[in-house]
Protein backbone atom coordinates (compact mmCIF):
# COMPACT_ATOMS: atom_id res chain seq x y z
CA UNK A 1 -50.16 22.17 21.49
CA UNK A 2 -48.00 21.25 18.51
CA UNK A 3 -46.34 24.08 16.63
CA UNK A 4 -46.06 23.78 12.88
CA UNK A 5 -42.78 24.74 11.26
CA UNK A 6 -42.94 27.67 8.93
CA UNK A 7 -41.35 27.70 5.50
CA UNK A 8 -38.77 30.20 6.74
CA UNK A 9 -37.66 27.88 9.59
CA UNK A 10 -37.34 24.95 7.20
CA UNK A 11 -35.32 27.07 4.73
CA UNK A 12 -32.91 28.28 7.43
CA UNK A 13 -32.43 24.75 8.77
CA UNK A 14 -31.69 23.38 5.28
CA UNK A 15 -29.30 26.27 4.60
CA UNK A 16 -27.31 25.55 7.77
CA UNK A 17 -27.20 21.80 7.06
CA UNK A 18 -26.04 22.51 3.48
CA UNK A 19 -23.34 24.90 4.70
CA UNK A 20 -22.02 22.39 7.25
CA UNK A 21 -22.05 19.58 4.66
CA UNK A 22 -20.14 21.79 2.20
CA UNK A 23 -17.47 22.67 4.77
CA UNK A 24 -17.14 18.97 5.70
CA UNK A 25 -16.61 17.90 2.07
CA UNK A 26 -14.15 20.73 1.38
CA UNK A 27 -12.17 19.96 4.56
CA UNK A 28 -11.95 16.27 3.74
CA UNK A 29 -10.59 16.96 0.25
CA UNK A 30 -8.16 19.58 1.58
CA UNK A 31 -6.80 17.28 4.31
CA UNK A 32 -6.31 14.47 1.81
CA UNK A 33 -4.38 16.73 -0.56
CA UNK A 34 -2.22 18.25 2.19
CA UNK A 35 -0.91 14.83 3.19
CA UNK A 36 -0.38 13.65 -0.40
CA UNK A 37 3.22 13.11 -1.41
CA UNK A 38 4.51 14.16 -4.84
CA UNK A 39 4.63 11.45 -7.51
CA UNK A 40 8.29 12.07 -8.33
CA UNK A 41 10.16 14.39 -5.96
CA UNK A 42 13.57 15.65 -7.03
CA UNK A 43 15.28 14.27 -3.92
CA UNK A 44 14.61 11.59 -1.31
CA UNK A 45 16.37 11.97 2.02
CA UNK A 46 16.12 9.77 5.09
CA UNK A 47 16.47 11.94 8.19
CA UNK A 48 17.41 10.11 11.38
CA UNK A 49 17.38 11.86 14.75
CA UNK A 50 19.98 10.85 17.33
CA UNK A 51 20.80 12.32 20.71
CA UNK A 52 22.04 14.98 19.75
CA UNK A 53 22.61 15.25 16.04
CA UNK A 54 20.82 14.75 12.72
CA UNK A 55 21.86 12.09 10.25
CA UNK A 56 21.00 12.48 6.56
CA UNK A 57 20.98 9.47 4.24
CA UNK A 58 20.78 9.97 0.48
CA UNK A 59 19.59 6.69 -1.09
CA UNK A 60 20.32 7.92 -4.64
CA UNK A 61 24.08 7.76 -4.03
CA UNK A 62 24.13 5.68 -0.81
CA UNK A 63 25.80 8.33 1.36
CA UNK A 64 25.33 9.14 5.05
CA UNK A 65 26.14 12.47 6.66
CA UNK A 66 26.20 13.07 10.42
CA UNK A 67 25.97 16.71 11.43
CA UNK A 68 27.94 18.19 14.33
CA UNK A 69 26.88 21.64 15.50
CA UNK A 70 29.32 24.02 17.21
CA UNK A 71 27.43 26.43 19.45
CA UNK A 72 30.50 28.69 19.80
CA UNK A 73 30.77 29.43 16.08
CA UNK A 74 27.08 28.76 15.25
CA UNK A 75 28.19 26.42 12.47
CA UNK A 76 27.48 22.84 11.48
CA UNK A 77 30.08 20.45 10.10
CA UNK A 78 30.05 16.97 8.69
CA UNK A 79 27.11 17.33 6.33
CA UNK A 80 23.83 19.01 5.59
CA UNK A 81 20.53 18.59 3.83
CA UNK A 82 21.25 19.68 0.26
CA UNK A 83 18.66 20.67 -2.35
CA UNK A 84 18.34 22.73 -5.52
CA UNK A 85 16.17 25.87 -5.83
CA UNK A 86 12.57 24.98 -6.69
CA UNK A 87 13.17 21.27 -6.04
CA UNK A 88 10.63 19.07 -4.30
CA UNK A 89 12.24 17.15 -1.45
CA UNK A 90 10.66 14.15 0.25
CA UNK A 91 12.03 13.47 3.72
CA UNK A 92 11.47 10.22 5.59
CA UNK A 93 11.93 11.10 9.25
CA UNK A 94 12.59 8.72 12.15
CA UNK A 95 14.58 8.52 15.38
CA UNK A 96 16.74 5.87 17.00
CA UNK A 97 16.42 6.89 20.64
CA UNK A 98 13.88 9.50 21.82
CA UNK A 99 11.25 11.73 20.20
CA UNK A 100 12.74 14.61 18.20
CA UNK A 101 11.06 17.19 16.01
CA UNK A 102 12.62 18.05 12.63
CA UNK A 103 11.96 21.72 11.99
CA UNK A 104 12.96 24.18 9.25
CA UNK A 105 11.21 27.31 10.57
CA UNK A 106 11.86 29.52 7.53
CA UNK A 107 10.07 27.02 5.26
CA UNK A 108 7.26 26.00 7.60
CA UNK A 109 8.51 22.41 7.79
CA UNK A 110 7.94 20.55 11.04
CA UNK A 111 7.54 16.82 11.54
CA UNK A 112 8.13 14.56 14.50
CA UNK A 113 10.89 11.94 14.52
CA UNK A 114 9.58 9.00 16.55
CA UNK A 115 11.53 5.81 17.31
CA UNK A 116 10.20 2.83 15.36
CA UNK A 117 8.05 4.97 13.05
CA UNK A 118 8.85 6.71 9.76
CA UNK A 119 6.95 9.90 9.02
CA UNK A 120 6.92 11.09 5.41
CA UNK A 121 6.79 14.73 4.39
CA UNK A 122 7.45 16.68 1.21
CA UNK A 123 8.28 20.33 0.73
CA UNK A 124 9.56 22.59 -2.01
CA UNK A 125 12.71 24.65 -1.70
CA UNK A 126 11.93 28.26 -2.70
CA UNK A 127 12.72 28.81 -6.37
CA UNK A 128 14.05 32.28 -5.64
CA UNK A 129 16.63 30.98 -3.15
CA UNK A 130 20.16 31.82 -4.22
CA UNK A 131 22.77 29.08 -4.38
CA UNK A 132 24.52 28.98 -1.01
CA UNK A 133 21.46 30.06 0.98
CA UNK A 134 21.26 28.22 4.29
CA UNK A 135 18.07 27.48 6.22
CA UNK A 136 18.41 26.51 9.87
CA UNK A 137 17.24 23.00 10.83
CA UNK A 138 16.61 22.45 14.51
CA UNK A 139 15.02 20.02 16.92
CA UNK A 140 11.97 21.57 18.57
CA UNK A 141 11.15 18.69 20.92
CA UNK A 142 13.18 18.71 24.14
CA UNK A 143 15.30 15.59 23.81
CA UNK A 144 17.82 15.81 26.60
CA UNK A 145 20.83 17.68 27.92
CA UNK A 146 22.36 18.79 24.60
CA UNK A 147 19.06 19.47 22.81
CA UNK A 148 20.23 23.01 22.04
CA UNK A 149 23.09 21.73 19.89
CA UNK A 150 20.87 19.58 17.68
CA UNK A 151 21.02 21.83 14.64
CA UNK A 152 21.94 21.52 10.98
CA UNK A 153 21.33 23.46 7.77
CA UNK A 154 19.43 23.01 4.53
CA UNK A 155 21.91 24.29 1.95
CA UNK A 156 20.71 25.38 -1.49
CA UNK A 157 23.14 24.06 -4.12
């Protein structure tokens, strides 16, 4: 015996298919836009992970800064990631030795630094950040014995 579909069953089936198709289209557009980089960020910085320090290269003025972190004083010396309030920053992240993870927890920035691969990411420094504000940068991928000292700061200038 073959059962005929009622109009109500057909309507519910079409409604579910339409809902799933709508979510799929919205998700695809959202994922594309999340990964999009800004057309003209205020600052480009190449971030290179080493065991056990971060290196920042600023192509605009051809300068390199290696960061040393002192766990006793909780301070970093030798350089930082500098940016202005409200500025869009594009970082190009890589590593020269092992996998690291570049993380600025207060800003929700996290991207892996993988040897032989450059990962691109853009973020905006909060516009309300006062000059001199420092945001902790840390490695969140265990990268060896001195992983805990692989820290730096984003300094608002």
